[in-house]
């Protein structure tokens, strides 16, 4: 049983490592959003981060902490 748990932990660690080393490429919409975000002033970037956090926290699909 302990060996199985260790193998599961190693498996999850490898999946996590793969995602960090080989992130999926951005699609066109994501790239466009990032380009627009980077063109904003620092003050506007802060406002966008607050807005995105508020949307995420009130989303029906976001698990409550």
PDB file of N, CA and C in Angstrom:
ATOM      1  N   UNK A   1       0.822  -1.193   0.000  1.00  0.00           N
ATOM      2  CA  UNK A   1       0.000   0.000   0.000  1.00  0.00           C
ATOM      3  C   UNK A   1       0.866   1.257   0.000  1.00  0.00           C
ATOM      4  N   UNK A   2       1.900   1.271   0.829  1.00  0.00           N
ATOM      5  CA  UNK A   2       2.784   2.426   0.898  1.00  0.00           C
ATOM      6  C   UNK A   2       3.505   2.637  -0.431  1.00  0.00           C
ATOM      7  N   UNK A   3       3.883   1.537  -1.075  1.00  0.00           N
ATOM      8  CA  UNK A   3       4.550   1.636  -2.371  1.00  0.00           C
ATOM      9  C   UNK A   3       3.616   2.254  -3.408  1.00  0.00           C
ATOM     10  N   UNK A   4       2.345   1.883  -3.366  1.00  0.00           N
ATOM     11  CA  UNK A   4       1.379   2.446  -4.306  1.00  0.00           C
ATOM     12  C   UNK A   4       1.237   3.956  -4.093  1.00  0.00           C
ATOM     13  N   UNK A   5       1.179   4.381  -2.838  1.00  0.00           N
ATOM     14  CA  UNK A   5       1.078   5.814  -2.547  1.00  0.00           C
ATOM     15  C   UNK A   5       2.317   6.561  -3.028  1.00  0.00           C
ATOM     16  N   UNK A   6       3.479   5.961  -2.834  1.00  0.00           N
ATOM     17  CA  UNK A   6       4.717   6.576  -3.311  1.00  0.00           C
ATOM     18  C   UNK A   6       4.719   6.698  -4.832  1.00  0.00           C
ATOM     19  N   UNK A   7       4.233   5.661  -5.512  1.00  0.00           N
ATOM     20  CA  UNK A   7       4.175   5.714  -6.973  1.00  0.00           C
ATOM     21  C   UNK A   7       3.199   6.789  -7.447  1.00  0.00           C
ATOM     22  N   UNK A   8       2.092   6.948  -6.768  1.00  0.00           N
ATOM     23  CA  UNK A   8       1.127   7.987  -7.118  1.00  0.00           C
ATOM     24  C   UNK A   8       1.759   9.362  -6.931  1.00  0.00           C
ATOM     25  N   UNK A   9       2.477   9.557  -5.846  1.00  0.00           N
ATOM     26  CA  UNK A   9       3.145  10.838  -5.590  1.00  0.00           C
ATOM     27  C   UNK A   9       4.185  11.144  -6.669  1.00  0.00           C
ATOM     28  N   UNK A  10       4.947  10.143  -7.057  1.00  0.00           N
ATOM     29  CA  UNK A  10       5.946  10.331  -8.114  1.00  0.00           C
ATOM     30  C   UNK A  10       5.254  10.668  -9.430  1.00  0.00           C
ATOM     31  N   UNK A  11       4.160   9.985  -9.730  1.00  0.00           N
ATOM     32  CA  UNK A  11       3.409  10.241 -10.952  1.00  0.00           C
ATOM     33  C   UNK A  11       2.924  11.689 -10.988  1.00  0.00           C
ATOM     34  N   UNK A  12       2.314  12.158  -9.893  1.00  0.00           N
ATOM     35  CA  UNK A  12       1.838  13.540  -9.843  1.00  0.00           C
ATOM     36  C   UNK A  12       2.992  14.537  -9.933  1.00  0.00           C
ATOM     37  N   UNK A  13       4.115  14.220  -9.337  1.00  0.00           N
ATOM     38  CA  UNK A  13       5.277  15.103  -9.417  1.00  0.00           C
ATOM     39  C   UNK A  13       5.770  15.208 -10.854  1.00  0.00           C
ATOM     40  N   UNK A  14       5.782  14.092 -11.578  1.00  0.00           N
ATOM     41  CA  UNK A  14       6.218  14.103 -12.971  1.00  0.00           C
ATOM     42  C   UNK A  14       5.256  14.897 -13.848  1.00  0.00           C
ATOM     43  N   UNK A  15       3.961  14.758 -13.604  1.00  0.00           N
ATOM     44  CA  UNK A  15       2.974  15.531 -14.367  1.00  0.00           C
ATOM     45  C   UNK A  15       3.175  17.014 -14.111  1.00  0.00           C
ATOM     46  N   UNK A  16       3.360  17.377 -12.865  1.00  0.00           N
ATOM     47  CA  UNK A  16       3.576  18.776 -12.503  1.00  0.00           C
ATOM     48  C   UNK A  16       4.841  19.317 -13.164  1.00  0.00           C
ATOM     49  N   UNK A  17       5.904  18.539 -13.157  1.00  0.00           N
ATOM     50  CA  UNK A  17       7.163  18.952 -13.778  1.00  0.00           C
ATOM     51  C   UNK A  17       6.987  19.148 -15.275  1.00  0.00           C
ATOM     52  N   UNK A  18       6.261  18.247 -15.925  1.00  0.00           N
ATOM     53  CA  UNK A  18       6.029  18.364 -17.370  1.00  0.00           C
ATOM     54  C   UNK A  18       5.277  19.653 -17.684  1.00  0.00           C
ATOM     55  N   UNK A  19       4.274  19.975 -16.879  1.00  0.00           N
ATOM     56  CA  UNK A  19       3.498  21.187 -17.121  1.00  0.00           C
ATOM     57  C   UNK A  19       4.358  22.433 -16.943  1.00  0.00           C
ATOM     58  N   UNK A  20       5.304  22.398 -16.030  1.00  0.00           N
ATOM     59  CA  UNK A  20       6.188  23.546 -15.808  1.00  0.00           C
ATOM     60  C   UNK A  20       7.219  23.668 -16.930  1.00  0.00           C
ATOM     61  N   UNK A  21       7.732  22.553 -17.412  1.00  0.00           N
ATOM     62  CA  UNK A  21       8.764  22.577 -18.438  1.00  0.00           C
ATOM     63  C   UNK A  21       8.197  22.803 -19.836  1.00  0.00           C
ATOM     64  N   UNK A  22       6.988  22.312 -20.081  1.00  0.00           N
ATOM     65  CA  UNK A  22       6.387  22.401 -21.409  1.00  0.00           C
ATOM     66  C   UNK A  22       4.976  22.976 -21.331  1.00  0.00           C
ATOM     67  N   UNK A  23       4.874  24.267 -20.992  1.00  0.00           N
ATOM     68  CA  UNK A  23       3.528  24.848 -20.922  1.00  0.00           C
ATOM     69  C   UNK A  23       2.894  24.889 -22.308  1.00  0.00           C
ATOM     70  N   UNK A  24       1.577  24.785 -22.353  1.00  0.00           N
ATOM     71  CA  UNK A  24       0.904  24.812 -23.648  1.00  0.00           C
ATOM     72  C   UNK A  24       0.999  26.220 -24.224  1.00  0.00           C
ATOM     73  N   UNK A  25       1.083  26.337 -25.523  1.00  0.00           N
ATOM     74  CA  UNK A  25       1.172  27.667 -26.146  1.00  0.00           C
ATOM     75  C   UNK A  25      -0.142  28.424 -25.998  1.00  0.00           C
ATOM     76  N   UNK A  26      -0.050  29.745 -26.000  1.00  0.00           N
ATOM     77  CA  UNK A  26      -1.243  30.576 -25.918  1.00  0.00           C
ATOM     78  C   UNK A  26      -2.010  30.515 -27.231  1.00  0.00           C
ATOM     79  N   UNK A  27      -3.347  30.519 -27.132  1.00  0.00           N
ATOM     80  CA  UNK A  27      -4.125  30.629 -28.359  1.00  0.00           C
ATOM     81  C   UNK A  27      -4.186  32.115 -28.751  1.00  0.00           C
ATOM     82  N   UNK A  28      -4.778  32.415 -29.878  1.00  0.00           N
ATOM     83  CA  UNK A  28      -4.785  33.790 -30.404  1.00  0.00           C
ATOM     84  C   UNK A  28      -5.472  34.759 -29.443  1.00  0.00           C
ATOM     85  N   UNK A  29      -6.581  34.337 -28.862  1.00  0.00           N
ATOM     86  CA  UNK A  29      -7.313  35.202 -27.931  1.00  0.00           C
ATOM     87  C   UNK A  29      -6.466  35.518 -26.697  1.00  0.00           C
ATOM     88  N   UNK A  30      -5.806  34.501 -26.144  1.00  0.00           N
ATOM     89  CA  UNK A  30      -4.959  34.702 -24.973  1.00  0.00           C
ATOM     90  C   UNK A  30      -3.774  35.603 -25.292  1.00  0.00           C
ATOM     91  N   UNK A  31      -3.174  35.408 -26.453  1.00  0.00           N
ATOM     92  CA  UNK A  31      -2.037  36.236 -26.864  1.00  0.00           C
ATOM     93  C   UNK A  31      -2.465  37.689 -27.032  1.00  0.00           C
ATOM     94  N   UNK A  32      -3.645  37.894 -27.596  1.00  0.00           N
ATOM     95  CA  UNK A  32      -4.160  39.246 -27.787  1.00  0.00           C
ATOM     96  C   UNK A  32      -4.429  39.921 -26.441  1.00  0.00           C
ATOM     97  N   UNK A  33      -5.031  39.188 -25.505  1.00  0.00           N
ATOM     98  CA  UNK A  33      -5.285  39.740 -24.174  1.00  0.00           C
ATOM     99  C   UNK A  33      -3.980  40.120 -23.473  1.00  0.00           C
ATOM    100  N   UNK A  34      -2.989  39.267 -23.578  1.00  0.00           N
ATOM    101  CA  UNK A  34      -1.700  39.536 -22.956  1.00  0.00           C
ATOM    102  C   UNK A  34      -1.033  40.761 -23.587  1.00  0.00           C
ATOM    103  N   UNK A  35      -1.130  40.895 -24.893  1.00  0.00           N
ATOM    104  CA  UNK A  35      -0.561  42.051 -25.585  1.00  0.00           C
ATOM    105  C   UNK A  35      -1.227  43.344 -25.105  1.00  0.00           C
ATOM    106  N   UNK A  36      -2.561  43.318 -25.003  1.00  0.00           N
ATOM    107  CA  UNK A  36      -3.280  44.500 -24.513  1.00  0.00           C
ATOM    108  C   UNK A  36      -2.900  44.814 -23.071  1.00  0.00           C
ATOM    109  N   UNK A  37      -2.807  43.795 -22.237  1.00  0.00           N
ATOM    110  CA  UNK A  37      -2.442  43.983 -20.835  1.00  0.00           C
ATOM    111  C   UNK A  37      -1.057  44.624 -20.724  1.00  0.00           C
ATOM    112  N   UNK A  38      -0.118  44.151 -21.507  1.00  0.00           N
ATOM    113  CA  UNK A  38       1.251  44.680 -21.453  1.00  0.00           C
ATOM    114  C   UNK A  38       1.334  46.126 -21.923  1.00  0.00           C
ATOM    115  N   UNK A  39       0.372  46.561 -22.725  1.00  0.00           N
ATOM    116  CA  UNK A  39       0.391  47.941 -23.221  1.00  0.00           C
ATOM    117  C   UNK A  39      -0.196  48.923 -22.209  1.00  0.00           C
ATOM    118  N   UNK A  40      -0.788  48.419 -21.125  1.00  0.00           N
ATOM    119  CA  UNK A  40      -1.401  49.286 -20.125  1.00  0.00           C
ATOM    120  C   UNK A  40      -0.354  49.914 -19.207  1.00  0.00           C
ATOM    121  N   UNK A  41      -0.749  51.029 -18.598  1.00  0.00           N
ATOM    122  CA  UNK A  41       0.107  51.636 -17.580  1.00  0.00           C
ATOM    123  C   UNK A  41       0.089  50.744 -16.337  1.00  0.00           C
ATOM    124  N   UNK A  42       1.025  50.949 -15.444  1.00  0.00           N
ATOM    125  CA  UNK A  42       1.091  50.127 -14.230  1.00  0.00           C
ATOM    126  C   UNK A  42      -0.183  50.283 -13.403  1.00  0.00           C
ATOM    127  N   UNK A  43      -0.708  51.489 -13.319  1.00  0.00           N
ATOM    128  CA  UNK A  43      -1.936  51.724 -12.559  1.00  0.00           C
ATOM    129  C   UNK A  43      -3.111  50.955 -13.178  1.00  0.00           C
ATOM    130  N   UNK A  44      -3.204  50.946 -14.494  1.00  0.00           N
ATOM    131  CA  UNK A  44      -4.271  50.211 -15.165  1.00  0.00           C
ATOM    132  C   UNK A  44      -4.095  48.694 -15.006  1.00  0.00           C
ATOM    133  N   UNK A  45      -2.853  48.237 -14.995  1.00  0.00           N
ATOM    134  CA  UNK A  45      -2.601  46.808 -14.775  1.00  0.00           C
ATOM    135  C   UNK A  45      -3.096  46.376 -13.401  1.00  0.00           C
ATOM    136  N   UNK A  46      -2.852  47.220 -12.412  1.00  0.00           N
ATOM    137  CA  UNK A  46      -3.314  46.919 -11.051  1.00  0.00           C
ATOM    138  C   UNK A  46      -4.842  46.829 -11.040  1.00  0.00           C
ATOM    139  N   UNK A  47      -5.504  47.775 -11.705  1.00  0.00           N
ATOM    140  CA  UNK A  47      -6.965  47.763 -11.767  1.00  0.00           C
ATOM    141  C   UNK A  47      -7.479  46.488 -12.450  1.00  0.00           C
ATOM    142  N   UNK A  48      -6.816  46.067 -13.510  1.00  0.00           N
ATOM    143  CA  UNK A  48      -7.224  44.839 -14.220  1.00  0.00           C
ATOM    144  C   UNK A  48      -7.048  43.629 -13.309  1.00  0.00           C
ATOM    145  N   UNK A  49      -5.952  43.577 -12.554  1.00  0.00           N
ATOM    146  CA  UNK A  49      -5.740  42.444 -11.638  1.00  0.00           C
ATOM    147  C   UNK A  49      -6.827  42.395 -10.578  1.00  0.00           C
ATOM    148  N   UNK A  50      -7.201  43.550 -10.022  1.00  0.00           N
ATOM    149  CA  UNK A  50      -8.293  43.588  -9.046  1.00  0.00           C
ATOM    150  C   UNK A  50      -9.601  43.106  -9.667  1.00  0.00           C
ATOM    151  N   UNK A  51      -9.872  43.556 -10.889  1.00  0.00           N
ATOM    152  CA  UNK A  51     -11.102  43.171 -11.569  1.00  0.00           C
ATOM    153  C   UNK A  51     -11.124  41.658 -11.821  1.00  0.00           C
ATOM    154  N   UNK A  52     -10.018  41.105 -12.288  1.00  0.00           N
ATOM    155  CA  UNK A  52      -9.954  39.666 -12.561  1.00  0.00           C
ATOM    156  C   UNK A  52     -10.107  38.856 -11.278  1.00  0.00           C
ATOM    157  N   UNK A  53      -9.520  39.327 -10.196  1.00  0.00           N
ATOM    158  CA  UNK A  53      -9.662  38.643  -8.913  1.00  0.00           C
ATOM    159  C   UNK A  53     -11.118  38.650  -8.466  1.00  0.00           C
ATOM    160  N   UNK A  54     -11.795  39.790  -8.614  1.00  0.00           N
ATOM    161  CA  UNK A  54     -13.202  39.881  -8.232  1.00  0.00           C
ATOM    162  C   UNK A  54     -14.061  38.942  -9.075  1.00  0.00           C
ATOM    163  N   UNK A  55     -13.783  38.876 -10.368  1.00  0.00           N
ATOM    164  CA  UNK A  55     -14.543  37.977 -11.246  1.00  0.00           C
ATOM    165  C   UNK A  55     -14.314  36.528 -10.837  1.00  0.00           C
ATOM    166  N   UNK A  56     -13.062  36.174 -10.575  1.00  0.00           N
ATOM    167  CA  UNK A  56     -12.750  34.797 -10.194  1.00  0.00           C
ATOM    168  C   UNK A  56     -13.432  34.432  -8.872  1.00  0.00           C
ATOM    169  N   UNK A  57     -13.397  35.336  -7.906  1.00  0.00           N
ATOM    170  CA  UNK A  57     -13.972  35.047  -6.594  1.00  0.00           C
ATOM    171  C   UNK A  57     -15.491  34.930  -6.630  1.00  0.00           C
ATOM    172  N   UNK A  58     -16.138  35.581  -7.576  1.00  0.00           N
ATOM    173  CA  UNK A  58     -17.597  35.525  -7.646  1.00  0.00           C
ATOM    174  C   UNK A  58     -18.099  34.534  -8.703  1.00  0.00           C
ATOM    175  N   UNK A  59     -17.195  33.888  -9.406  1.00  0.00           N
ATOM    176  CA  UNK A  59     -17.571  32.934 -10.436  1.00  0.00           C
ATOM    177  C   UNK A  59     -18.220  31.703  -9.833  1.00  0.00           C
ATOM    178  N   UNK A  60     -19.220  31.181 -10.512  1.00  0.00           N
ATOM    179  CA  UNK A  60     -19.880  29.954 -10.067  1.00  0.00           C
ATOM    180  C   UNK A  60     -18.972  28.746 -10.236  1.00  0.00           C
ATOM    181  N   UNK A  61     -18.004  28.846 -11.133  1.00  0.00           N
ATOM    182  CA  UNK A  61     -17.126  27.713 -11.441  1.00  0.00           C
ATOM    183  C   UNK A  61     -15.863  27.707 -10.580  1.00  0.00           C
ATOM    184  N   UNK A  62     -15.671  28.749  -9.778  1.00  0.00           N
ATOM    185  CA  UNK A  62     -14.472  28.840  -8.952  1.00  0.00           C
ATOM    186  C   UNK A  62     -14.782  28.266  -7.575  1.00  0.00           C
ATOM    187  N   UNK A  63     -14.018  27.258  -7.130  1.00  0.00           N
ATOM    188  CA  UNK A  63     -14.284  26.684  -5.803  1.00  0.00           C
ATOM    189  C   UNK A  63     -13.974  27.685  -4.705  1.00  0.00           C
ATOM    190  N   UNK A  64     -14.819  27.743  -3.717  1.00  0.00           N
ATOM    191  CA  UNK A  64     -14.609  28.635  -2.579  1.00  0.00           C
ATOM    192  C   UNK A  64     -13.486  28.068  -1.710  1.00  0.00           C
ATOM    193  N   UNK A  65     -12.707  28.973  -1.114  1.00  0.00           N
ATOM    194  CA  UNK A  65     -11.603  28.545  -0.243  1.00  0.00           C
ATOM    195  C   UNK A  65     -12.029  28.527   1.195  1.00  0.00           C
TER     196      UNK A  65
END
